[in-house]
Amino acid sequence: MRVACIQYKSYEYEEKTLKKILPLIYIAAKKKVDLIALPECATFLNFNKSETMANASFEKNSFSLKTLKETAKTLNVNILIGSIQTLEYKMSKKKLFNRSFLINRKGKIICKYDKIHMYDVKLSKHQSYQESKTYESGDSAKIARLNIDGQYFKIGMTICYDLRFPHLFRDLALNGADLISVPSVFMHITGKDHWHNLLQARAIETGCYIVAPAQYGHYFNKRKSYGHSLIISPWGKILKDAKTDKNIIIQNIDKNEIKKARTKIPSIFVNKTYRVN
C-alpha cells in the first residue's frame, strides 16, 4: 500500500480550507497512492467552542464530508479525514464530536472513529487546554479494513492526544492493526520534546506502521502547531518527515516489515500482569 500524508494549516471556514487542500489531494493522487491521510480538524479550526459549534454540521449535512467523498470517488483513491468537528444528538442534546472518517475509492465511509482521550492539560500557569469542555469523548476503538488490490490492510484509528495512551495502541495491534493513524494538531510547546519520541515508541511497542498527518503554523496569535507529519516503520525508523511547512510525504507500506519486526521482538504478544509491592 502506498500512503501519502498531506501537511497544511486549516482556516476558520471549511470552504476556504477545502479550496486550499483539494489541489494538494489531486497532486497526491497523481503519485498513484492508495491512501491519502489528512490531519485532525482537516477542514476548519476555530478559537473557541461557540465558533466551533457554529461551523460544525451534522454528518448528513457536512459540506466537507460530501466534498471529500466525491473527491475520493473522482480520483479513485482512499481518503482518511483526520477529523471533522461533527454534531450529533446525545440524550436529546446537541453534542460535538471530534470524528475521523475513512472513505474508500467509491466515496463510501467504511469506518469512523470519535476521539477518546480529551486534551485536558495545564502546561504552565498561563497555558492550559480543556478539550472536554468542547467535545464529547468517544467510547470505542476502531479498526478499518481497507482492500488494496485484493489484499486487506487493517488500519487502527486514533486522533492526536490518544498518542499518549499506549494501551490503546497495544489493543489496536493485538486486534490486527497493520498501520495506526495519528492525525493531529499537535502543539509546538510539547511537540518539540515529545512528538517524534512518542510516535516512534508507539511503532516500536506495536510493530505497526505509524502514519501521522499533522498541521503546522500559528493560529489565533496564541497557538502554534508543531508540524512534522511522520511516517514511521514498525521498527521505529522515521521514513518520512514533512518538517514545518506545507508538504506531501509518500511512503510504501510493506506487511513483510510488520512481520519481521514482530518476529525479532515479540513483546506485544506477552500478556503478563505485574505485582507491585
C-alpha atoms as a PDB file:
ATOM      1  CA  MET A   1       0.000   0.000   0.000  1.00  0.00           C
ATOM      2  CA  ARG A   2       1.254   3.437  -0.926  1.00  0.00           C
ATOM      3  CA  VAL A   3       0.333   6.170   1.580  1.00  0.00           C
ATOM      4  CA  ALA A   4       0.500   9.956   1.386  1.00  0.00           C
ATOM      5  CA  CYS A   5       0.251  12.430   4.293  1.00  0.00           C
ATOM      6  CA  ILE A   6      -0.718  15.996   3.448  1.00  0.00           C
ATOM      7  CA  GLN A   7       0.516  18.689   5.844  1.00  0.00           C
ATOM      8  CA  TYR A   8      -1.125  22.120   5.838  1.00  0.00           C
ATOM      9  CA  LYS A   9      -2.878  24.692   8.029  1.00  0.00           C
ATOM     10  CA  SER A  10      -6.677  24.783   8.266  1.00  0.00           C
ATOM     11  CA  TYR A  11      -8.534  28.075   8.032  1.00  0.00           C
ATOM     12  CA  GLU A  12     -11.507  29.062  10.184  1.00  0.00           C
ATOM     13  CA  TYR A  13     -14.029  28.109   7.485  1.00  0.00           C
ATOM     14  CA  GLU A  14     -14.323  24.818   5.644  1.00  0.00           C
ATOM     15  CA  GLU A  15     -14.934  26.268   2.171  1.00  0.00           C
ATOM     16  CA  LYS A  16     -11.677  28.240   2.322  1.00  0.00           C
ATOM     17  CA  THR A  17      -9.679  25.256   3.600  1.00  0.00           C
ATOM     18  CA  LEU A  18     -11.136  22.894   1.002  1.00  0.00           C
ATOM     19  CA  LYS A  19     -10.204  25.318  -1.759  1.00  0.00           C
ATOM     20  CA  LYS A  20      -6.643  25.132  -0.420  1.00  0.00           C
ATOM     21  CA  ILE A  21      -6.332  21.374   0.092  1.00  0.00           C
ATOM     22  CA  LEU A  22      -8.202  19.914  -2.892  1.00  0.00           C
ATOM     23  CA  PRO A  23      -5.304  20.759  -5.261  1.00  0.00           C
ATOM     24  CA  LEU A  24      -2.935  19.043  -2.807  1.00  0.00           C
ATOM     25  CA  ILE A  25      -5.149  15.939  -2.808  1.00  0.00           C
ATOM     26  CA  TYR A  26      -5.086  15.943  -6.612  1.00  0.00           C
ATOM     27  CA  ILE A  27      -1.281  16.194  -6.604  1.00  0.00           C
ATOM     28  CA  ALA A  28      -1.001  13.263  -4.178  1.00  0.00           C
ATOM     29  CA  ALA A  29      -3.465  11.170  -6.203  1.00  0.00           C
ATOM     30  CA  LYS A  30      -1.350  11.659  -9.330  1.00  0.00           C
ATOM     31  CA  LYS A  31       1.512   9.973  -7.476  1.00  0.00           C
ATOM     32  CA  LYS A  32      -0.523   6.753  -7.662  1.00  0.00           C
ATOM     33  CA  VAL A  33      -1.066   6.477  -3.916  1.00  0.00           C
ATOM     34  CA  ASP A  34      -3.679   4.163  -2.405  1.00  0.00           C
ATOM     35  CA  LEU A  35      -4.437   6.218   0.714  1.00  0.00           C
ATOM     36  CA  ILE A  36      -4.298   9.965   1.344  1.00  0.00           C
ATOM     37  CA  ALA A  37      -4.250  10.965   5.022  1.00  0.00           C
ATOM     38  CA  LEU A  38      -5.327  14.406   6.238  1.00  0.00           C
ATOM     39  CA  PRO A  39      -4.703  15.863   9.721  1.00  0.00           C
ATOM     40  CA  GLU A  40      -7.018  16.478  12.657  1.00  0.00           C
ATOM     41  CA  CYS A  41      -9.552  19.321  12.174  1.00  0.00           C
ATOM     42  CA  ALA A  42      -8.996  18.733   8.485  1.00  0.00           C
ATOM     43  CA  THR A  43     -11.234  21.456   7.077  1.00  0.00           C
ATOM     44  CA  PHE A  44     -11.628  24.127   9.756  1.00  0.00           C
ATOM     45  CA  LEU A  45     -10.226  25.154  13.117  1.00  0.00           C
ATOM     46  CA  ASN A  46     -11.781  27.713  15.452  1.00  0.00           C
ATOM     47  CA  PHE A  47     -10.715  29.631  18.547  1.00  0.00           C
ATOM     48  CA  ASN A  48     -13.440  28.547  20.961  1.00  0.00           C
ATOM     49  CA  LYS A  49     -16.425  26.269  21.470  1.00  0.00           C
ATOM     50  CA  SER A  50     -19.096  28.700  20.289  1.00  0.00           C
ATOM     51  CA  GLU A  51     -17.298  29.313  16.971  1.00  0.00           C
ATOM     52  CA  THR A  52     -16.705  25.591  16.502  1.00  0.00           C
ATOM     53  CA  MET A  53     -20.354  24.758  17.224  1.00  0.00           C
ATOM     54  CA  ALA A  54     -21.454  27.431  14.744  1.00  0.00           C
ATOM     55  CA  ASN A  55     -19.299  25.965  11.954  1.00  0.00           C
ATOM     56  CA  ALA A  56     -19.848  22.275  12.724  1.00  0.00           C
ATOM     57  CA  SER A  57     -22.515  20.237  10.935  1.00  0.00           C
ATOM     58  CA  PHE A  58     -24.387  17.028  11.451  1.00  0.00           C
ATOM     59  CA  GLU A  59     -22.786  14.243   9.449  1.00  0.00           C
ATOM     60  CA  LYS A  60     -25.597  14.113   6.869  1.00  0.00           C
ATOM     61  CA  ASN A  61     -25.271  17.869   6.245  1.00  0.00           C
ATOM     62  CA  SER A  62     -21.477  18.174   6.241  1.00  0.00           C
ATOM     63  CA  PHE A  63     -20.173  20.046   3.201  1.00  0.00           C
ATOM     64  CA  SER A  64     -16.637  18.865   3.985  1.00  0.00           C
ATOM     65  CA  LEU A  65     -17.659  15.225   4.134  1.00  0.00           C
ATOM     66  CA  LYS A  66     -19.737  15.473   0.953  1.00  0.00           C
ATOM     67  CA  THR A  67     -16.872  17.170  -0.913  1.00  0.00           C
ATOM     68  CA  LEU A  68     -14.206  14.708   0.199  1.00  0.00           C
ATOM     69  CA  LYS A  69     -16.413  11.688  -0.548  1.00  0.00           C
ATOM     70  CA  GLU A  70     -16.924  12.998  -4.080  1.00  0.00           C
ATOM     71  CA  THR A  71     -13.192  13.662  -4.399  1.00  0.00           C
ATOM     72  CA  ALA A  72     -12.305  10.123  -3.322  1.00  0.00           C
ATOM     73  CA  LYS A  73     -14.681   8.704  -5.924  1.00  0.00           C
ATOM     74  CA  THR A  74     -13.496  11.028  -8.691  1.00  0.00           C
ATOM     75  CA  LEU A  75      -9.812  10.332  -8.069  1.00  0.00           C
ATOM     76  CA  ASN A  76     -10.320   6.628  -7.266  1.00  0.00           C
ATOM     77  CA  VAL A  77      -8.373   6.952  -4.028  1.00  0.00           C
ATOM     78  CA  ASN A  78      -8.999   6.178  -0.355  1.00  0.00           C
ATOM     79  CA  ILE A  79      -9.006   9.229   1.924  1.00  0.00           C
ATOM     80  CA  LEU A  80      -8.523   9.304   5.688  1.00  0.00           C
ATOM     81  CA  ILE A  81     -10.048  12.508   7.037  1.00  0.00           C
ATOM     82  CA  GLY A  82      -8.084  13.061  10.242  1.00  0.00           C
ATOM     83  CA  SER A  83     -11.150  14.588  11.838  1.00  0.00           C
ATOM     84  CA  ILE A  84     -14.146  16.790  11.187  1.00  0.00           C
ATOM     85  CA  GLN A  85     -15.926  18.519  14.071  1.00  0.00           C
ATOM     86  CA  THR A  86     -19.273  16.749  13.890  1.00  0.00           C
ATOM     87  CA  LEU A  87     -22.610  17.382  15.609  1.00  0.00           C
ATOM     88  CA  GLU A  88     -24.783  14.599  16.957  1.00  0.00           C
ATOM     89  CA  TYR A  89     -27.704  14.375  19.362  1.00  0.00           C
ATOM     90  CA  LYS A  90     -26.951  12.646  22.654  1.00  0.00           C
ATOM     91  CA  MET A  91     -29.694  12.359  25.271  1.00  0.00           C
ATOM     92  CA  SER A  92     -31.735  14.807  23.158  1.00  0.00           C
ATOM     93  CA  LYS A  93     -28.980  17.431  23.379  1.00  0.00           C
ATOM     94  CA  LYS A  94     -26.763  18.663  20.563  1.00  0.00           C
ATOM     95  CA  LYS A  95     -23.191  17.496  21.207  1.00  0.00           C
ATOM     96  CA  LEU A  96     -19.901  17.908  19.368  1.00  0.00           C
ATOM     97  CA  PHE A  97     -17.551  15.049  18.482  1.00  0.00           C
ATOM     98  CA  ASN A  98     -14.038  15.116  17.032  1.00  0.00           C
ATOM     99  CA  ARG A  99     -14.608  12.424  14.404  1.00  0.00           C
ATOM    100  CA  SER A 100     -12.242  10.733  11.967  1.00  0.00           C
ATOM    101  CA  PHE A 101     -13.558   9.184   8.735  1.00  0.00           C
ATOM    102  CA  LEU A 102     -12.068   6.642   6.350  1.00  0.00           C
ATOM    103  CA  ILE A 103     -13.551   6.919   2.852  1.00  0.00           C
ATOM    104  CA  ASN A 104     -12.923   4.274   0.210  1.00  0.00           C
ATOM    105  CA  ARG A 105     -12.366   4.660  -3.543  1.00  0.00           C
ATOM    106  CA  LYS A 106     -16.093   4.520  -4.169  1.00  0.00           C
ATOM    107  CA  GLY A 107     -16.705   7.512  -1.933  1.00  0.00           C
ATOM    108  CA  LYS A 108     -18.241   5.427   0.858  1.00  0.00           C
ATOM    109  CA  ILE A 109     -17.479   5.800   4.574  1.00  0.00           C
ATOM    110  CA  ILE A 110     -16.090   2.448   5.706  1.00  0.00           C
ATOM    111  CA  CYS A 111     -15.100   3.438   9.242  1.00  0.00           C
ATOM    112  CA  LYS A 112     -15.423   6.374  11.620  1.00  0.00           C
ATOM    113  CA  TYR A 113     -13.844   6.996  14.999  1.00  0.00           C
ATOM    114  CA  ASP A 114     -14.603   9.518  17.755  1.00  0.00           C
ATOM    115  CA  LYS A 115     -11.557  10.748  19.664  1.00  0.00           C
ATOM    116  CA  ILE A 116     -11.497   9.031  23.042  1.00  0.00           C
ATOM    117  CA  HIS A 117      -8.932  10.995  25.047  1.00  0.00           C
ATOM    118  CA  MET A 118      -9.586  14.692  25.521  1.00  0.00           C
ATOM    119  CA  TYR A 119      -6.695  17.155  25.634  1.00  0.00           C
ATOM    120  CA  ASP A 120      -7.204  18.395  29.209  1.00  0.00           C
ATOM    121  CA  VAL A 121      -3.811  19.702  30.325  1.00  0.00           C
ATOM    122  CA  LYS A 122      -2.136  22.518  32.241  1.00  0.00           C
ATOM    123  CA  LEU A 123       1.186  23.210  30.565  1.00  0.00           C
ATOM    124  CA  SER A 124       2.021  26.318  32.555  1.00  0.00           C
ATOM    125  CA  LYS A 125       0.453  28.941  34.787  1.00  0.00           C
ATOM    126  CA  HIS A 126      -0.817  30.801  31.735  1.00  0.00           C
ATOM    127  CA  GLN A 127      -1.372  27.962  29.242  1.00  0.00           C
ATOM    128  CA  SER A 128      -3.973  25.263  29.696  1.00  0.00           C
ATOM    129  CA  TYR A 129      -6.467  23.410  27.487  1.00  0.00           C
ATOM    130  CA  GLN A 130      -9.786  21.795  28.353  1.00  0.00           C
ATOM    131  CA  GLU A 131     -10.904  19.949  25.240  1.00  0.00           C
ATOM    132  CA  SER A 132     -13.583  18.124  27.245  1.00  0.00           C
ATOM    133  CA  LYS A 133     -15.443  21.422  27.567  1.00  0.00           C
ATOM    134  CA  THR A 134     -15.902  21.452  23.792  1.00  0.00           C
ATOM    135  CA  TYR A 135     -16.134  17.807  22.731  1.00  0.00           C
ATOM    136  CA  GLU A 136     -17.793  14.617  23.869  1.00  0.00           C
ATOM    137  CA  SER A 137     -15.337  11.727  24.053  1.00  0.00           C
ATOM    138  CA  GLY A 138     -15.729   8.539  22.072  1.00  0.00           C
ATOM    139  CA  ASP A 139     -16.146   5.208  23.823  1.00  0.00           C
ATOM    140  CA  SER A 140     -14.699   2.582  21.472  1.00  0.00           C
ATOM    141  CA  ALA A 141     -11.543   1.887  19.497  1.00  0.00           C
ATOM    142  CA  LYS A 142     -11.864   1.245  15.767  1.00  0.00           C
ATOM    143  CA  ILE A 143     -10.021  -0.744  13.114  1.00  0.00           C
ATOM    144  CA  ALA A 144     -10.851  -0.306   9.432  1.00  0.00           C
ATOM    145  CA  ARG A 145     -10.269  -2.974   6.773  1.00  0.00           C
ATOM    146  CA  LEU A 146      -9.038  -1.436   3.540  1.00  0.00           C
ATOM    147  CA  ASN A 147      -8.900  -3.502   0.351  1.00  0.00           C
ATOM    148  CA  ILE A 148      -5.833  -2.675  -1.744  1.00  0.00           C
ATOM    149  CA  ASP A 149      -5.759  -4.763  -4.938  1.00  0.00           C
ATOM    150  CA  GLY A 150      -7.226  -7.777  -3.156  1.00  0.00           C
ATOM    151  CA  GLN A 151      -5.001  -7.516  -0.078  1.00  0.00           C
ATOM    152  CA  TYR A 152      -6.555  -6.215   3.130  1.00  0.00           C
ATOM    153  CA  PHE A 153      -4.771  -3.748   5.361  1.00  0.00           C
ATOM    154  CA  LYS A 154      -6.107  -3.138   8.863  1.00  0.00           C
ATOM    155  CA  ILE A 155      -5.910   0.483   9.972  1.00  0.00           C
ATOM    156  CA  GLY A 156      -6.217   1.405  13.650  1.00  0.00           C
ATOM    157  CA  MET A 157      -7.712   4.874  14.043  1.00  0.00           C
ATOM    158  CA  THR A 158      -6.629   7.370  16.700  1.00  0.00           C
ATOM    159  CA  ILE A 159      -6.517  11.168  16.970  1.00  0.00           C
ATOM    160  CA  CYS A 160      -3.766  13.393  18.420  1.00  0.00           C
ATOM    161  CA  TYR A 161      -3.822  13.189  22.264  1.00  0.00           C
ATOM    162  CA  ASP A 162      -4.690   9.483  22.016  1.00  0.00           C
ATOM    163  CA  LEU A 163      -0.974   9.151  21.245  1.00  0.00           C
ATOM    164  CA  ARG A 164      -0.152   9.397  24.954  1.00  0.00           C
ATOM    165  CA  PHE A 165      -2.139   6.267  25.869  1.00  0.00           C
ATOM    166  CA  PRO A 166      -0.055   3.232  24.869  1.00  0.00           C
ATOM    167  CA  HIS A 167      -2.686   0.670  25.910  1.00  0.00           C
ATOM    168  CA  LEU A 168      -4.968   1.933  23.124  1.00  0.00           C
ATOM    169  CA  PHE A 169      -2.238   1.323  20.562  1.00  0.00           C
ATOM    170  CA  ARG A 170      -1.423  -2.081  22.024  1.00  0.00           C
ATOM    171  CA  ASP A 171      -5.075  -3.126  21.860  1.00  0.00           C
ATOM    172  CA  LEU A 172      -5.299  -1.986  18.238  1.00  0.00           C
ATOM    173  CA  ALA A 173      -2.192  -4.002  17.363  1.00  0.00           C
ATOM    174  CA  LEU A 174      -3.393  -7.097  19.227  1.00  0.00           C
ATOM    175  CA  ASN A 175      -6.633  -6.876  17.258  1.00  0.00           C
ATOM    176  CA  GLY A 176      -4.760  -6.998  13.978  1.00  0.00           C
ATOM    177  CA  ALA A 177      -3.823  -3.426  13.056  1.00  0.00           C
ATOM    178  CA  ASP A 178      -1.061  -3.196  10.452  1.00  0.00           C
ATOM    179  CA  LEU A 179      -0.985   0.573  10.484  1.00  0.00           C
ATOM    180  CA  ILE A 180      -2.166   3.105  13.065  1.00  0.00           C
ATOM    181  CA  SER A 181      -3.142   6.612  12.027  1.00  0.00           C
ATOM    182  CA  VAL A 182      -2.465   9.572  14.328  1.00  0.00           C
ATOM    183  CA  PRO A 183      -3.877  12.704  12.641  1.00  0.00           C
ATOM    184  CA  SER A 184      -3.038  15.704  14.793  1.00  0.00           C
ATOM    185  CA  VAL A 185      -2.889  19.396  15.543  1.00  0.00           C
ATOM    186  CA  PHE A 186      -0.027  18.897  17.993  1.00  0.00           C
ATOM    187  CA  MET A 187       1.112  21.923  19.971  1.00  0.00           C
ATOM    188  CA  HIS A 188       4.663  23.165  19.403  1.00  0.00           C
ATOM    189  CA  ILE A 189       5.304  23.565  23.132  1.00  0.00           C
ATOM    190  CA  THR A 190       5.013  19.797  23.671  1.00  0.00           C
ATOM    191  CA  GLY A 191       5.739  18.642  20.133  1.00  0.00           C
ATOM    192  CA  LYS A 192       9.352  19.762  20.166  1.00  0.00           C
ATOM    193  CA  ASP A 193      10.019  17.441  23.100  1.00  0.00           C
ATOM    194  CA  HIS A 194       7.529  14.598  22.677  1.00  0.00           C
ATOM    195  CA  TRP A 195       6.114  14.199  19.129  1.00  0.00           C
ATOM    196  CA  HIS A 196       8.869  12.203  17.435  1.00  0.00           C
ATOM    197  CA  ASN A 197       9.663  10.198  20.559  1.00  0.00           C
ATOM    198  CA  LEU A 198       6.069   9.178  21.284  1.00  0.00           C
ATOM    199  CA  LEU A 199       5.300   8.193  17.706  1.00  0.00           C
ATOM    200  CA  GLN A 200       8.476   6.125  17.449  1.00  0.00           C
ATOM    201  CA  ALA A 201       7.697   4.474  20.780  1.00  0.00           C
ATOM    202  CA  ARG A 202       4.174   3.520  19.643  1.00  0.00           C
ATOM    203  CA  ALA A 203       5.624   1.999  16.451  1.00  0.00           C
ATOM    204  CA  ILE A 204       8.269   0.030  18.360  1.00  0.00           C
ATOM    205  CA  GLU A 205       5.814  -1.184  21.013  1.00  0.00           C
ATOM    206  CA  THR A 206       3.225  -2.386  18.500  1.00  0.00           C
ATOM    207  CA  GLY A 207       5.269  -3.412  15.465  1.00  0.00           C
ATOM    208  CA  CYS A 208       2.883  -1.285  13.382  1.00  0.00           C
ATOM    209  CA  TYR A 209       3.481   1.411  10.822  1.00  0.00           C
ATOM    210  CA  ILE A 210       2.533   4.808  12.228  1.00  0.00           C
ATOM    211  CA  VAL A 211       1.076   7.389   9.841  1.00  0.00           C
ATOM    212  CA  ALA A 212       0.724  10.796  11.477  1.00  0.00           C
ATOM    213  CA  PRO A 213      -0.507  13.670   9.262  1.00  0.00           C
ATOM    214  CA  ALA A 214      -0.265  16.935  11.184  1.00  0.00           C
ATOM    215  CA  GLN A 215      -0.979  20.636  10.846  1.00  0.00           C
ATOM    216  CA  TYR A 216       1.662  23.337  11.083  1.00  0.00           C
ATOM    217  CA  GLY A 217       1.755  27.073  11.764  1.00  0.00           C
ATOM    218  CA  HIS A 218       0.242  29.706  14.056  1.00  0.00           C
ATOM    219  CA  TYR A 219      -3.438  30.036  14.985  1.00  0.00           C
ATOM    220  CA  PHE A 220      -5.274  32.968  16.575  1.00  0.00           C
ATOM    221  CA  ASN A 221      -1.962  34.534  17.704  1.00  0.00           C
ATOM    222  CA  LYS A 222      -1.988  32.130  20.627  1.00  0.00           C
ATOM    223  CA  ARG A 223      -1.305  28.599  19.407  1.00  0.00           C
ATOM    224  CA  LYS A 224       1.459  27.167  17.278  1.00  0.00           C
ATOM    225  CA  SER A 225       1.255  23.715  15.750  1.00  0.00           C
ATOM    226  CA  TYR A 226       4.391  21.632  15.507  1.00  0.00           C
ATOM    227  CA  GLY A 227       4.042  20.187  12.011  1.00  0.00           C
ATOM    228  CA  HIS A 228       6.406  17.290  11.262  1.00  0.00           C
ATOM    229  CA  SER A 229       3.909  14.873   9.743  1.00  0.00           C
ATOM    230  CA  LEU A 230       5.617  11.498  10.046  1.00  0.00           C
ATOM    231  CA  ILE A 231       5.532   8.020   8.563  1.00  0.00           C
ATOM    232  CA  ILE A 232       7.340   5.537  10.804  1.00  0.00           C
ATOM    233  CA  SER A 233       8.287   1.902  10.220  1.00  0.00           C
ATOM    234  CA  PRO A 234       7.334  -0.999  12.545  1.00  0.00           C
ATOM    235  CA  TRP A 235      10.977  -0.962  13.682  1.00  0.00           C
ATOM    236  CA  GLY A 236      10.605   2.660  14.814  1.00  0.00           C
ATOM    237  CA  LYS A 237      12.541   4.245  11.963  1.00  0.00           C
ATOM    238  CA  ILE A 238      11.342   7.616  10.684  1.00  0.00           C
ATOM    239  CA  LEU A 239      10.791   7.006   6.978  1.00  0.00           C
ATOM    240  CA  LYS A 240       9.385  10.412   6.039  1.00  0.00           C
ATOM    241  CA  ASP A 241       9.186  13.774   7.862  1.00  0.00           C
ATOM    242  CA  ALA A 242       7.235  16.714   6.395  1.00  0.00           C
ATOM    243  CA  LYS A 243       9.179  19.237   8.520  1.00  0.00           C
ATOM    244  CA  THR A 244       7.420  22.549   9.270  1.00  0.00           C
ATOM    245  CA  ASP A 245       5.798  23.816   6.065  1.00  0.00           C
ATOM    246  CA  LYS A 246       3.108  22.807   3.578  1.00  0.00           C
ATOM    247  CA  ASN A 247       4.181  19.428   2.279  1.00  0.00           C
ATOM    248  CA  ILE A 248       3.209  15.990   0.974  1.00  0.00           C
ATOM    249  CA  ILE A 249       5.100  12.898   2.095  1.00  0.00           C
ATOM    250  CA  ILE A 250       4.669   9.463   0.499  1.00  0.00           C
ATOM    251  CA  GLN A 251       5.764   6.004   1.613  1.00  0.00           C
ATOM    252  CA  ASN A 252       5.125   2.369   0.692  1.00  0.00           C
ATOM    253  CA  ILE A 253       3.669   0.212   3.470  1.00  0.00           C
ATOM    254  CA  ASP A 254       5.026  -3.356   3.407  1.00  0.00           C
ATOM    255  CA  LYS A 255       3.326  -6.036   5.515  1.00  0.00           C
ATOM    256  CA  ASN A 256       6.540  -8.069   5.487  1.00  0.00           C
ATOM    257  CA  GLU A 257       8.217  -5.359   7.573  1.00  0.00           C
ATOM    258  CA  ILE A 258       5.498  -5.743  10.207  1.00  0.00           C
ATOM    259  CA  LYS A 259       6.085  -9.469  10.386  1.00  0.00           C
ATOM    260  CA  LYS A 260       9.862  -9.009  10.607  1.00  0.00           C
ATOM    261  CA  ALA A 261       9.639  -6.520  13.471  1.00  0.00           C
ATOM    262  CA  ARG A 262       7.238  -8.650  15.485  1.00  0.00           C
ATOM    263  CA  THR A 263       9.269 -11.806  14.876  1.00  0.00           C
ATOM    264  CA  LYS A 264      12.512 -10.195  16.056  1.00  0.00           C
ATOM    265  CA  ILE A 265      10.950  -8.685  19.187  1.00  0.00           C
ATOM    266  CA  PRO A 266       7.627 -10.400  20.003  1.00  0.00           C
ATOM    267  CA  SER A 267       6.962  -8.376  23.165  1.00  0.00           C
ATOM    268  CA  ILE A 268       3.484  -7.341  22.046  1.00  0.00           C
ATOM    269  CA  PHE A 269       2.275 -10.917  22.377  1.00  0.00           C
ATOM    270  CA  VAL A 270       3.341 -11.261  26.013  1.00  0.00           C
ATOM    271  CA  ASN A 271       0.224 -10.936  28.162  1.00  0.00           C
ATOM    272  CA  LYS A 272       1.523 -10.534  31.676  1.00  0.00           C
ATOM    273  CA  THR A 273       0.424  -8.608  34.749  1.00  0.00           C
ATOM    274  CA  TYR A 274       2.833  -7.479  37.420  1.00  0.00           C
ATOM    275  CA  ARG A 275       2.509  -7.371  41.145  1.00  0.00           C
ATOM    276  CA  VAL A 276       3.703  -4.101  42.644  1.00  0.00           C
ATOM    277  CA  ASN A 277       4.677  -4.098  46.307  1.00  0.00           C
END
